[in-house]
């Protein structure tokens, strides 16, 4: 039996990158999985899992689509035990002094709507179903950017510090009924995260940066360039009953960035 045998999960942003790797890992560990995915092609690609996955095309920054995804998951699989979120947008290290004043408020709203509010909307939509299941849990995707400066620009770093706040505050609010934890991945190859549209960066992807693999190896003490599947086991553990005593915790999957002075 897998670590998630009998559990039902909803993975928000599960069509690519770390989210897709977690969908695959959840299925391998015995879970049935609902997915909310913005891109129709990525949603169709999940059909490889046949009746183990139910994908819904929609926008995680809207209440209605989050609610649709929860309802579709429950209708397909009879309940909900786990919520995991993976929606994000990047600012490509843009410094405050380089953000035009007339775009600052809009850029801030875009990054916080995508990186923070979407997770709150997903949790709010899923919460009634999670409360029905003993041992239910939420796992947010934080980032090394939520712990260290320089891992993004001012907007992205601020948004990821905010997601750290979601973990600890919701763990406090929802105990003992629902566990809330996070995973903080380091820089990762093969992700599809794009830049802020407000700053004209929507056509840029982190995965396309030249020399990305070499740069990631150079900045991690373990000299690894991590891939999405390298993070998946952390989500499996936190979603499983083996972590039944764990809440308010963030697991670092970053190649050891924090041990470097």
C-alpha atoms as a PDB file:
ATOM      1  CA  UNK A   1       0.000   0.000   0.000  1.00  0.00           C
ATOM      2  CA  UNK A   2       1.133   3.532  -0.802  1.00  0.00           C
ATOM      3  CA  UNK A   3       1.486   6.313   1.719  1.00  0.00           C
ATOM      4  CA  UNK A   4      -1.703   7.967   0.417  1.00  0.00           C
ATOM      5  CA  UNK A   5      -3.813   4.865  -0.157  1.00  0.00           C
ATOM      6  CA  UNK A   6      -7.503   5.745   0.079  1.00  0.00           C
ATOM      7  CA  UNK A   7      -6.949   9.504   0.193  1.00  0.00           C
ATOM      8  CA  UNK A   8      -8.391  12.097  -2.161  1.00  0.00           C
ATOM      9  CA  UNK A   9      -6.339  15.171  -3.034  1.00  0.00           C
ATOM     10  CA  UNK A  10      -6.956  18.383  -4.948  1.00  0.00           C
ATOM     11  CA  UNK A  11      -3.833  19.792  -6.598  1.00  0.00           C
ATOM     12  CA  UNK A  12      -4.235  23.402  -7.690  1.00  0.00           C
ATOM     13  CA  UNK A  13      -1.874  24.181 -10.543  1.00  0.00           C
ATOM     14  CA  UNK A  14      -1.178  20.506 -11.134  1.00  0.00           C
ATOM     15  CA  UNK A  15      -0.606  20.520 -14.872  1.00  0.00           C
ATOM     16  CA  UNK A  16       3.084  21.358 -15.012  1.00  0.00           C
ATOM     17  CA  UNK A  17       6.301  21.711 -13.045  1.00  0.00           C
ATOM     18  CA  UNK A  18       6.297  20.732  -9.387  1.00  0.00           C
ATOM     19  CA  UNK A  19       2.509  20.494  -9.355  1.00  0.00           C
ATOM     20  CA  UNK A  20       2.506  17.874 -12.109  1.00  0.00           C
ATOM     21  CA  UNK A  21       5.256  15.913 -10.373  1.00  0.00           C
ATOM     22  CA  UNK A  22       3.161  15.900  -7.213  1.00  0.00           C
ATOM     23  CA  UNK A  23       0.074  14.691  -9.088  1.00  0.00           C
ATOM     24  CA  UNK A  24       2.121  11.787 -10.464  1.00  0.00           C
ATOM     25  CA  UNK A  25       3.559  11.002  -7.020  1.00  0.00           C
ATOM     26  CA  UNK A  26       0.164  11.176  -5.314  1.00  0.00           C
ATOM     27  CA  UNK A  27      -1.271   8.709  -7.835  1.00  0.00           C
ATOM     28  CA  UNK A  28       1.723   6.407  -7.416  1.00  0.00           C
ATOM     29  CA  UNK A  29       1.147   6.465  -3.636  1.00  0.00           C
ATOM     30  CA  UNK A  30      -2.485   5.420  -3.992  1.00  0.00           C
ATOM     31  CA  UNK A  31      -4.399   8.695  -3.989  1.00  0.00           C
ATOM     32  CA  UNK A  32      -7.123   9.792  -6.340  1.00  0.00           C
ATOM     33  CA  UNK A  33      -6.538  13.336  -7.458  1.00  0.00           C
ATOM     34  CA  UNK A  34      -8.543  16.320  -8.621  1.00  0.00           C
ATOM     35  CA  UNK A  35      -6.610  19.011 -10.467  1.00  0.00           C
ATOM     36  CA  UNK A  36      -7.375  22.651 -11.193  1.00  0.00           C
ATOM     37  CA  UNK A  37      -5.297  23.708 -14.209  1.00  0.00           C
ATOM     38  CA  UNK A  38      -5.418  26.909 -16.258  1.00  0.00           C
ATOM     39  CA  UNK A  39      -4.055  25.427 -19.495  1.00  0.00           C
ATOM     40  CA  UNK A  40      -6.444  23.073 -21.360  1.00  0.00           C
ATOM     41  CA  UNK A  41      -3.612  21.166 -23.036  1.00  0.00           C
ATOM     42  CA  UNK A  42      -1.934  20.411 -19.734  1.00  0.00           C
ATOM     43  CA  UNK A  43      -5.258  19.352 -18.291  1.00  0.00           C
ATOM     44  CA  UNK A  44      -5.773  16.925 -21.185  1.00  0.00           C
ATOM     45  CA  UNK A  45      -2.290  15.483 -20.642  1.00  0.00           C
ATOM     46  CA  UNK A  46      -3.430  14.285 -17.218  1.00  0.00           C
ATOM     47  CA  UNK A  47      -5.727  11.796 -18.935  1.00  0.00           C
ATOM     48  CA  UNK A  48      -2.728   9.441 -18.842  1.00  0.00           C
ATOM     49  CA  UNK A  49      -3.861   8.669 -15.283  1.00  0.00           C
ATOM     50  CA  UNK A  50      -7.314   7.582 -16.517  1.00  0.00           C
ATOM     51  CA  UNK A  51      -9.899   7.427 -13.746  1.00  0.00           C
ATOM     52  CA  UNK A  52      -7.381   8.234 -10.982  1.00  0.00           C
ATOM     53  CA  UNK A  53      -7.350  11.927 -11.904  1.00  0.00           C
ATOM     54  CA  UNK A  54     -10.167  14.391 -12.566  1.00  0.00           C
ATOM     55  CA  UNK A  55      -8.918  17.618 -14.171  1.00  0.00           C
ATOM     56  CA  UNK A  56     -10.881  20.881 -14.240  1.00  0.00           C
ATOM     57  CA  UNK A  57      -9.805  23.765 -16.480  1.00  0.00           C
ATOM     58  CA  UNK A  58     -10.003  27.039 -14.619  1.00  0.00           C
ATOM     59  CA  UNK A  59      -8.305  29.996 -12.975  1.00  0.00           C
ATOM     60  CA  UNK A  60      -7.173  29.542  -9.372  1.00  0.00           C
ATOM     61  CA  UNK A  61      -7.372  33.285  -8.735  1.00  0.00           C
ATOM     62  CA  UNK A  62     -11.182  33.120  -8.979  1.00  0.00           C
ATOM     63  CA  UNK A  63     -13.565  31.846  -6.321  1.00  0.00           C
ATOM     64  CA  UNK A  64     -15.905  30.209  -8.815  1.00  0.00           C
ATOM     65  CA  UNK A  65     -13.242  28.022 -10.433  1.00  0.00           C
ATOM     66  CA  UNK A  66     -11.835  26.907  -7.093  1.00  0.00           C
ATOM     67  CA  UNK A  67     -15.321  25.915  -6.007  1.00  0.00           C
ATOM     68  CA  UNK A  68     -15.897  24.046  -9.287  1.00  0.00           C
ATOM     69  CA  UNK A  69     -12.674  22.097  -8.777  1.00  0.00           C
ATOM     70  CA  UNK A  70     -13.616  21.117  -5.232  1.00  0.00           C
ATOM     71  CA  UNK A  71     -17.093  20.021  -6.293  1.00  0.00           C
ATOM     72  CA  UNK A  72     -15.776  18.039  -9.266  1.00  0.00           C
ATOM     73  CA  UNK A  73     -13.222  16.265  -7.061  1.00  0.00           C
ATOM     74  CA  UNK A  74     -15.814  15.363  -4.444  1.00  0.00           C
ATOM     75  CA  UNK A  75     -18.299  14.204  -7.076  1.00  0.00           C
ATOM     76  CA  UNK A  76     -15.661  12.016  -8.728  1.00  0.00           C
ATOM     77  CA  UNK A  77     -14.052  10.541  -5.617  1.00  0.00           C
ATOM     78  CA  UNK A  78     -16.466  10.995  -2.713  1.00  0.00           C
ATOM     79  CA  UNK A  79     -14.621  13.453  -0.502  1.00  0.00           C
ATOM     80  CA  UNK A  80     -11.434  15.438   0.024  1.00  0.00           C
ATOM     81  CA  UNK A  81      -8.479  14.781   2.349  1.00  0.00           C
ATOM     82  CA  UNK A  82      -5.653  16.911   0.952  1.00  0.00           C
ATOM     83  CA  UNK A  83      -5.269  20.290  -0.723  1.00  0.00           C
ATOM     84  CA  UNK A  84      -1.933  21.206  -2.323  1.00  0.00           C
ATOM     85  CA  UNK A  85      -1.315  24.508  -4.129  1.00  0.00           C
ATOM     86  CA  UNK A  86       1.238  25.373  -6.840  1.00  0.00           C
ATOM     87  CA  UNK A  87       0.085  28.570  -8.543  1.00  0.00           C
ATOM     88  CA  UNK A  88       2.672  31.310  -8.969  1.00  0.00           C
ATOM     89  CA  UNK A  89       4.064  34.146 -11.053  1.00  0.00           C
ATOM     90  CA  UNK A  90       7.617  35.555 -10.930  1.00  0.00           C
ATOM     91  CA  UNK A  91       9.012  39.086 -11.076  1.00  0.00           C
ATOM     92  CA  UNK A  92      12.409  38.143 -12.569  1.00  0.00           C
ATOM     93  CA  UNK A  93      14.376  39.865  -9.813  1.00  0.00           C
ATOM     94  CA  UNK A  94      12.917  43.304 -10.563  1.00  0.00           C
ATOM     95  CA  UNK A  95      14.064  45.826  -7.967  1.00  0.00           C
ATOM     96  CA  UNK A  96      11.714  48.434  -6.502  1.00  0.00           C
ATOM     97  CA  UNK A  97      13.635  51.278  -8.117  1.00  0.00           C
ATOM     98  CA  UNK A  98      13.111  49.666 -11.541  1.00  0.00           C
ATOM     99  CA  UNK A  99       9.324  49.314 -11.260  1.00  0.00           C
ATOM    100  CA  UNK A 100       7.557  52.297 -12.861  1.00  0.00           C
ATOM    101  CA  UNK A 101       5.579  54.186 -10.249  1.00  0.00           C
ATOM    102  CA  UNK A 102       2.422  54.070 -12.351  1.00  0.00           C
ATOM    103  CA  UNK A 103       2.600  50.240 -12.477  1.00  0.00           C
ATOM    104  CA  UNK A 104       3.628  49.501  -8.912  1.00  0.00           C
ATOM    105  CA  UNK A 105       0.192  49.083  -7.340  1.00  0.00           C
ATOM    106  CA  UNK A 106      -1.047  46.971 -10.248  1.00  0.00           C
ATOM    107  CA  UNK A 107       2.087  44.786 -10.232  1.00  0.00           C
ATOM    108  CA  UNK A 108       1.743  44.286  -6.482  1.00  0.00           C
ATOM    109  CA  UNK A 109      -1.908  43.317  -6.907  1.00  0.00           C
ATOM    110  CA  UNK A 110      -1.031  40.823  -9.669  1.00  0.00           C
ATOM    111  CA  UNK A 111       1.685  39.008  -7.739  1.00  0.00           C
ATOM    112  CA  UNK A 112      -0.266  38.863  -4.475  1.00  0.00           C
ATOM    113  CA  UNK A 113      -3.467  37.796  -6.243  1.00  0.00           C
ATOM    114  CA  UNK A 114      -1.632  34.936  -7.938  1.00  0.00           C
ATOM    115  CA  UNK A 115       0.855  33.848  -5.279  1.00  0.00           C
ATOM    116  CA  UNK A 116      -1.130  34.491  -2.096  1.00  0.00           C
ATOM    117  CA  UNK A 117      -4.837  35.091  -2.660  1.00  0.00           C
ATOM    118  CA  UNK A 118      -5.196  32.047  -4.927  1.00  0.00           C
ATOM    119  CA  UNK A 119      -4.069  29.798  -2.054  1.00  0.00           C
ATOM    120  CA  UNK A 120      -6.541  31.442   0.305  1.00  0.00           C
ATOM    121  CA  UNK A 121      -9.361  31.010  -2.219  1.00  0.00           C
ATOM    122  CA  UNK A 122      -8.452  27.356  -2.760  1.00  0.00           C
ATOM    123  CA  UNK A 123      -8.357  26.724   0.982  1.00  0.00           C
ATOM    124  CA  UNK A 124     -11.635  28.529   1.603  1.00  0.00           C
ATOM    125  CA  UNK A 125     -13.339  26.506  -1.134  1.00  0.00           C
ATOM    126  CA  UNK A 126     -11.902  23.193   0.091  1.00  0.00           C
ATOM    127  CA  UNK A 127     -12.331  23.766   3.817  1.00  0.00           C
ATOM    128  CA  UNK A 128     -15.900  22.466   4.274  1.00  0.00           C
ATOM    129  CA  UNK A 129     -14.899  19.173   2.659  1.00  0.00           C
ATOM    130  CA  UNK A 130     -11.578  18.934   4.513  1.00  0.00           C
ATOM    131  CA  UNK A 131     -13.409  19.390   7.810  1.00  0.00           C
ATOM    132  CA  UNK A 132     -15.483  16.305   7.040  1.00  0.00           C
ATOM    133  CA  UNK A 133     -12.401  14.056   6.953  1.00  0.00           C
ATOM    134  CA  UNK A 134     -10.276  13.201  10.029  1.00  0.00           C
ATOM    135  CA  UNK A 135      -6.582  13.747   9.384  1.00  0.00           C
ATOM    136  CA  UNK A 136      -7.062  16.159   6.499  1.00  0.00           C
ATOM    137  CA  UNK A 137      -4.314  18.571   5.504  1.00  0.00           C
ATOM    138  CA  UNK A 138      -3.248  21.520   3.371  1.00  0.00           C
ATOM    139  CA  UNK A 139       0.215  21.881   1.835  1.00  0.00           C
ATOM    140  CA  UNK A 140       1.239  25.257   0.429  1.00  0.00           C
ATOM    141  CA  UNK A 141       4.190  25.854  -1.872  1.00  0.00           C
ATOM    142  CA  UNK A 142       6.447  28.438  -0.302  1.00  0.00           C
ATOM    143  CA  UNK A 143      10.000  28.931  -1.695  1.00  0.00           C
ATOM    144  CA  UNK A 144      13.515  29.688  -0.606  1.00  0.00           C
ATOM    145  CA  UNK A 145      12.398  33.191  -1.602  1.00  0.00           C
ATOM    146  CA  UNK A 146      10.213  33.180   1.495  1.00  0.00           C
ATOM    147  CA  UNK A 147      13.309  32.900   3.691  1.00  0.00           C
ATOM    148  CA  UNK A 148      16.227  34.648   1.998  1.00  0.00           C
ATOM    149  CA  UNK A 149      16.676  37.934   0.124  1.00  0.00           C
ATOM    150  CA  UNK A 150      17.838  37.931  -3.472  1.00  0.00           C
ATOM    151  CA  UNK A 151      15.779  34.914  -4.553  1.00  0.00           C
ATOM    152  CA  UNK A 152      13.504  37.176  -6.565  1.00  0.00           C
ATOM    153  CA  UNK A 153      12.610  40.830  -6.693  1.00  0.00           C
ATOM    154  CA  UNK A 154      10.833  42.754  -3.962  1.00  0.00           C
ATOM    155  CA  UNK A 155       7.332  41.700  -5.054  1.00  0.00           C
ATOM    156  CA  UNK A 156       8.009  37.984  -5.396  1.00  0.00           C
ATOM    157  CA  UNK A 157      10.001  37.749  -2.171  1.00  0.00           C
ATOM    158  CA  UNK A 158       7.297  39.652  -0.274  1.00  0.00           C
ATOM    159  CA  UNK A 159       4.608  37.340  -1.641  1.00  0.00           C
ATOM    160  CA  UNK A 160       6.472  34.227  -0.551  1.00  0.00           C
ATOM    161  CA  UNK A 161       7.036  35.623   2.935  1.00  0.00           C
ATOM    162  CA  UNK A 162       3.262  36.088   2.956  1.00  0.00           C
ATOM    163  CA  UNK A 163       2.723  32.410   2.101  1.00  0.00           C
ATOM    164  CA  UNK A 164       4.869  31.543   5.125  1.00  0.00           C
ATOM    165  CA  UNK A 165       2.359  33.558   7.104  1.00  0.00           C
ATOM    166  CA  UNK A 166      -0.508  31.538   5.661  1.00  0.00           C
ATOM    167  CA  UNK A 167       1.122  28.325   6.854  1.00  0.00           C
ATOM    168  CA  UNK A 168       1.565  29.371  10.470  1.00  0.00           C
ATOM    169  CA  UNK A 169      -1.674  31.332  10.855  1.00  0.00           C
ATOM    170  CA  UNK A 170      -3.905  28.713   9.257  1.00  0.00           C
ATOM    171  CA  UNK A 171      -2.147  25.940  11.184  1.00  0.00           C
ATOM    172  CA  UNK A 172      -3.084  27.899  14.296  1.00  0.00           C
ATOM    173  CA  UNK A 173      -6.666  28.582  13.195  1.00  0.00           C
ATOM    174  CA  UNK A 174      -7.499  25.122  11.926  1.00  0.00           C
ATOM    175  CA  UNK A 175      -5.868  22.934  14.597  1.00  0.00           C
ATOM    176  CA  UNK A 176      -6.777  20.301  15.599  1.00  0.00           C
ATOM    177  CA  UNK A 177      -9.137  19.722  12.681  1.00  0.00           C
ATOM    178  CA  UNK A 178      -6.851  20.316   9.666  1.00  0.00           C
ATOM    179  CA  UNK A 179      -3.063  20.229   9.485  1.00  0.00           C
ATOM    180  CA  UNK A 180      -1.420  23.026   7.475  1.00  0.00           C
ATOM    181  CA  UNK A 181       2.182  22.815   6.269  1.00  0.00           C
ATOM    182  CA  UNK A 182       4.383  23.971   3.430  1.00  0.00           C
ATOM    183  CA  UNK A 183       7.262  22.975   1.197  1.00  0.00           C
ATOM    184  CA  UNK A 184       9.945  25.507   0.264  1.00  0.00           C
ATOM    185  CA  UNK A 185      11.548  24.352  -2.985  1.00  0.00           C
ATOM    186  CA  UNK A 186      14.744  25.919  -4.179  1.00  0.00           C
ATOM    187  CA  UNK A 187      15.324  26.924  -7.781  1.00  0.00           C
ATOM    188  CA  UNK A 188      14.047  24.152 -10.021  1.00  0.00           C
ATOM    189  CA  UNK A 189      14.621  23.115 -13.615  1.00  0.00           C
ATOM    190  CA  UNK A 190      11.694  22.522 -15.943  1.00  0.00           C
ATOM    191  CA  UNK A 191       9.113  24.764 -14.316  1.00  0.00           C
ATOM    192  CA  UNK A 192       6.708  26.813 -16.418  1.00  0.00           C
ATOM    193  CA  UNK A 193       6.419  29.823 -14.094  1.00  0.00           C
ATOM    194  CA  UNK A 194       6.131  33.024 -16.079  1.00  0.00           C
ATOM    195  CA  UNK A 195       6.728  36.678 -15.335  1.00  0.00           C
ATOM    196  CA  UNK A 196       4.328  39.406 -14.303  1.00  0.00           C
ATOM    197  CA  UNK A 197       2.119  40.643 -17.127  1.00  0.00           C
ATOM    198  CA  UNK A 198       1.943  44.067 -15.491  1.00  0.00           C
ATOM    199  CA  UNK A 199       5.690  44.479 -15.979  1.00  0.00           C
ATOM    200  CA  UNK A 200       5.657  43.093 -19.524  1.00  0.00           C
ATOM    201  CA  UNK A 201       7.267  39.820 -18.452  1.00  0.00           C
ATOM    202  CA  UNK A 202       4.527  37.317 -19.284  1.00  0.00           C
ATOM    203  CA  UNK A 203       6.462  35.875 -22.233  1.00  0.00           C
ATOM    204  CA  UNK A 204       9.451  34.978 -20.043  1.00  0.00           C
ATOM    205  CA  UNK A 205       9.801  31.654 -18.221  1.00  0.00           C
ATOM    206  CA  UNK A 206      12.282  30.748 -15.533  1.00  0.00           C
ATOM    207  CA  UNK A 207      12.998  27.504 -17.362  1.00  0.00           C
ATOM    208  CA  UNK A 208      14.293  29.443 -20.375  1.00  0.00           C
ATOM    209  CA  UNK A 209      17.009  31.397 -18.562  1.00  0.00           C
ATOM    210  CA  UNK A 210      20.384  30.627 -20.182  1.00  0.00           C
ATOM    211  CA  UNK A 211      22.805  28.693 -18.013  1.00  0.00           C
ATOM    212  CA  UNK A 212      20.027  27.849 -15.550  1.00  0.00           C
ATOM    213  CA  UNK A 213      21.311  24.382 -14.645  1.00  0.00           C
ATOM    214  CA  UNK A 214      24.871  25.533 -14.053  1.00  0.00           C
ATOM    215  CA  UNK A 215      23.683  28.504 -11.997  1.00  0.00           C
ATOM    216  CA  UNK A 216      21.514  26.317  -9.758  1.00  0.00           C
ATOM    217  CA  UNK A 217      24.333  23.835  -9.149  1.00  0.00           C
ATOM    218  CA  UNK A 218      26.750  26.625  -8.283  1.00  0.00           C
ATOM    219  CA  UNK A 219      24.511  28.220  -5.641  1.00  0.00           C
ATOM    220  CA  UNK A 220      23.546  25.089  -3.682  1.00  0.00           C
ATOM    221  CA  UNK A 221      25.869  23.460  -1.132  1.00  0.00           C
ATOM    222  CA  UNK A 222      24.845  20.024  -2.434  1.00  0.00           C
ATOM    223  CA  UNK A 223      25.724  21.125  -5.990  1.00  0.00           C
ATOM    224  CA  UNK A 224      22.389  19.915  -7.330  1.00  0.00           C
ATOM    225  CA  UNK A 225      20.084  21.356  -9.951  1.00  0.00           C
ATOM    226  CA  UNK A 226      16.754  20.110  -8.665  1.00  0.00           C
ATOM    227  CA  UNK A 227      13.907  18.937 -10.862  1.00  0.00           C
ATOM    228  CA  UNK A 228      10.174  18.893 -10.044  1.00  0.00           C
ATOM    229  CA  UNK A 229      10.192  15.227  -9.057  1.00  0.00           C
ATOM    230  CA  UNK A 230      12.883  15.931  -6.440  1.00  0.00           C
ATOM    231  CA  UNK A 231      10.340  17.873  -4.376  1.00  0.00           C
ATOM    232  CA  UNK A 232       7.366  15.534  -4.693  1.00  0.00           C
ATOM    233  CA  UNK A 233       8.173  13.248  -1.763  1.00  0.00           C
ATOM    234  CA  UNK A 234       8.004  16.184   0.653  1.00  0.00           C
ATOM    235  CA  UNK A 235       4.397  16.789  -0.364  1.00  0.00           C
ATOM    236  CA  UNK A 236       3.603  13.082  -0.102  1.00  0.00           C
ATOM    237  CA  UNK A 237       4.970  12.938   3.441  1.00  0.00           C
ATOM    238  CA  UNK A 238       3.141  16.039   4.676  1.00  0.00           C
ATOM    239  CA  UNK A 239      -0.116  14.794   3.120  1.00  0.00           C
ATOM    240  CA  UNK A 240       0.168  11.349   4.667  1.00  0.00           C
ATOM    241  CA  UNK A 241      -0.842   9.978   8.048  1.00  0.00           C
ATOM    242  CA  UNK A 242       2.857   9.548   8.813  1.00  0.00           C
ATOM    243  CA  UNK A 243       2.895  13.313   9.370  1.00  0.00           C
ATOM    244  CA  UNK A 244      -0.170  13.296  11.633  1.00  0.00           C
ATOM    245  CA  UNK A 245       1.762  15.161  14.324  1.00  0.00           C
ATOM    246  CA  UNK A 246       3.136  17.799  11.970  1.00  0.00           C
ATOM    247  CA  UNK A 247       1.491  21.191  11.434  1.00  0.00           C
ATOM    248  CA  UNK A 248       2.776  24.723  10.953  1.00  0.00           C
ATOM    249  CA  UNK A 249       5.991  23.303   9.461  1.00  0.00           C
ATOM    250  CA  UNK A 250       7.795  24.146   6.227  1.00  0.00           C
ATOM    251  CA  UNK A 251      10.100  21.521   4.720  1.00  0.00           C
ATOM    252  CA  UNK A 252      13.099  22.903   2.834  1.00  0.00           C
ATOM    253  CA  UNK A 253      13.815  21.137  -0.447  1.00  0.00           C
ATOM    254  CA  UNK A 254      16.526  23.461  -1.729  1.00  0.00           C
ATOM    255  CA  UNK A 255      19.879  21.731  -1.937  1.00  0.00           C
ATOM    256  CA  UNK A 256      20.956  23.072   1.435  1.00  0.00           C
ATOM    257  CA  UNK A 257      20.814  26.819   0.718  1.00  0.00           C
ATOM    258  CA  UNK A 258      20.281  27.632   4.388  1.00  0.00           C
ATOM    259  CA  UNK A 259      23.579  26.119   5.564  1.00  0.00           C
ATOM    260  CA  UNK A 260      25.735  28.483   3.525  1.00  0.00           C
ATOM    261  CA  UNK A 261      26.996  31.539   5.393  1.00  0.00           C
END
